[in-house]
N, C-alpha and C. Protein backbone atom coordinates (compact mmCIF):
# COMPACT_ATOMS: atom_id res chain seq x y z
N MET A 1 -19.72 11.30 -5.70
CA MET A 1 -19.02 11.22 -4.42
C MET A 1 -19.89 10.56 -3.36
N HIS A 2 -21.20 10.74 -3.42
CA HIS A 2 -22.06 10.19 -2.38
C HIS A 2 -22.05 8.66 -2.39
N GLU A 3 -21.60 8.02 -3.50
CA GLU A 3 -21.51 6.56 -3.52
C GLU A 3 -20.31 6.06 -2.72
N ILE A 4 -19.27 6.89 -2.59
CA ILE A 4 -18.03 6.49 -1.92
C ILE A 4 -18.11 6.71 -0.41
N VAL A 5 -18.74 7.74 0.03
CA VAL A 5 -18.76 8.13 1.44
C VAL A 5 -19.19 7.00 2.38
N PRO A 6 -20.19 6.20 2.09
CA PRO A 6 -20.59 5.15 3.03
C PRO A 6 -19.49 4.10 3.27
N PHE A 7 -18.55 3.97 2.36
CA PHE A 7 -17.51 2.95 2.49
C PHE A 7 -16.25 3.44 3.18
N THR A 8 -16.13 4.73 3.43
CA THR A 8 -14.90 5.26 3.99
C THR A 8 -14.62 4.74 5.38
N GLY A 9 -15.59 4.55 6.20
CA GLY A 9 -15.37 4.08 7.56
C GLY A 9 -15.06 2.59 7.64
N GLN A 10 -15.41 1.83 6.63
CA GLN A 10 -15.20 0.39 6.66
C GLN A 10 -13.73 0.01 6.59
N SER A 11 -12.90 0.85 6.03
CA SER A 11 -11.48 0.53 5.90
C SER A 11 -10.66 0.98 7.11
N THR A 12 -11.22 1.74 8.01
CA THR A 12 -10.46 2.21 9.16
C THR A 12 -10.00 1.06 10.06
N GLY A 13 -10.71 -0.03 10.07
CA GLY A 13 -10.30 -1.18 10.86
C GLY A 13 -9.05 -1.86 10.33
N LEU A 14 -8.66 -1.54 9.11
CA LEU A 14 -7.46 -2.12 8.52
C LEU A 14 -6.18 -1.39 8.93
N VAL A 15 -6.31 -0.21 9.54
CA VAL A 15 -5.15 0.58 9.95
C VAL A 15 -4.55 -0.06 11.19
N ARG A 16 -3.26 -0.44 11.08
CA ARG A 16 -2.58 -1.09 12.20
C ARG A 16 -1.54 -0.21 12.86
N GLU A 17 -1.03 0.80 12.12
CA GLU A 17 -0.04 1.71 12.67
C GLU A 17 -0.06 3.02 11.90
N ILE A 18 0.43 4.07 12.54
CA ILE A 18 0.52 5.38 11.92
C ILE A 18 1.99 5.62 11.60
N LEU A 19 2.29 5.83 10.32
CA LEU A 19 3.67 6.01 9.89
C LEU A 19 3.83 7.33 9.14
N PRO A 20 5.05 7.86 9.14
CA PRO A 20 5.30 9.06 8.32
C PRO A 20 5.14 8.72 6.84
N VAL A 21 4.67 9.66 6.06
CA VAL A 21 4.42 9.40 4.65
C VAL A 21 5.68 8.97 3.92
N ALA A 22 6.84 9.50 4.30
CA ALA A 22 8.09 9.12 3.63
C ALA A 22 8.35 7.62 3.79
N GLU A 23 8.07 7.09 4.96
CA GLU A 23 8.27 5.66 5.20
C GLU A 23 7.28 4.83 4.39
N ILE A 24 6.06 5.29 4.30
CA ILE A 24 5.04 4.59 3.52
C ILE A 24 5.45 4.54 2.04
N VAL A 25 5.93 5.67 1.51
CA VAL A 25 6.35 5.72 0.12
C VAL A 25 7.55 4.82 -0.12
N ARG A 26 8.54 4.85 0.79
CA ARG A 26 9.71 3.97 0.66
C ARG A 26 9.29 2.51 0.63
N THR A 27 8.41 2.13 1.53
CA THR A 27 7.94 0.74 1.59
C THR A 27 7.18 0.37 0.32
N LEU A 28 6.32 1.25 -0.13
CA LEU A 28 5.55 1.01 -1.34
C LEU A 28 6.46 0.81 -2.55
N LEU A 29 7.46 1.67 -2.69
CA LEU A 29 8.40 1.55 -3.80
C LEU A 29 9.23 0.27 -3.71
N SER A 30 9.69 -0.04 -2.53
CA SER A 30 10.48 -1.25 -2.32
C SER A 30 9.67 -2.51 -2.68
N GLU A 31 8.43 -2.55 -2.22
CA GLU A 31 7.58 -3.71 -2.52
C GLU A 31 7.26 -3.79 -4.01
N ALA A 32 7.07 -2.64 -4.65
CA ALA A 32 6.80 -2.63 -6.08
C ALA A 32 8.02 -3.12 -6.86
N GLU A 33 9.21 -2.68 -6.46
CA GLU A 33 10.43 -3.12 -7.12
C GLU A 33 10.61 -4.64 -6.98
N ARG A 34 10.38 -5.16 -5.77
CA ARG A 34 10.50 -6.61 -5.56
C ARG A 34 9.48 -7.36 -6.42
N ALA A 35 8.27 -6.88 -6.49
CA ALA A 35 7.24 -7.56 -7.28
C ALA A 35 7.59 -7.54 -8.77
N LEU A 36 8.06 -6.39 -9.24
CA LEU A 36 8.43 -6.30 -10.65
C LEU A 36 9.64 -7.17 -10.97
N ASP A 37 10.65 -7.14 -10.10
CA ASP A 37 11.83 -7.99 -10.29
C ASP A 37 11.43 -9.46 -10.31
N SER A 38 10.55 -9.84 -9.41
CA SER A 38 10.08 -11.22 -9.35
C SER A 38 9.30 -11.58 -10.61
N ALA A 39 8.51 -10.67 -11.10
CA ALA A 39 7.68 -10.92 -12.28
C ALA A 39 8.54 -11.14 -13.53
N ILE A 40 9.70 -10.50 -13.59
CA ILE A 40 10.56 -10.68 -14.77
C ILE A 40 11.70 -11.65 -14.48
N GLY A 41 11.68 -12.27 -13.31
CA GLY A 41 12.63 -13.32 -12.99
C GLY A 41 13.98 -12.88 -12.49
N LEU A 42 14.12 -11.63 -11.99
CA LEU A 42 15.39 -11.18 -11.47
C LEU A 42 15.65 -11.63 -10.05
N LYS A 43 14.61 -11.67 -9.24
CA LYS A 43 14.75 -12.06 -7.83
C LYS A 43 13.60 -12.98 -7.46
N ALA A 44 13.84 -13.79 -6.47
CA ALA A 44 12.78 -14.70 -6.00
C ALA A 44 11.92 -14.01 -4.98
């Protein structure tokens, strides 16, 4: 664990907004579905 701790603060600058977890999960699933559909040629 001590190898990970120094890097935890470096990603905080990437946070642009605070969202409810339900919205984050919906977005994640939607993006994954689009990527998978695109990978198998269903959608552009």
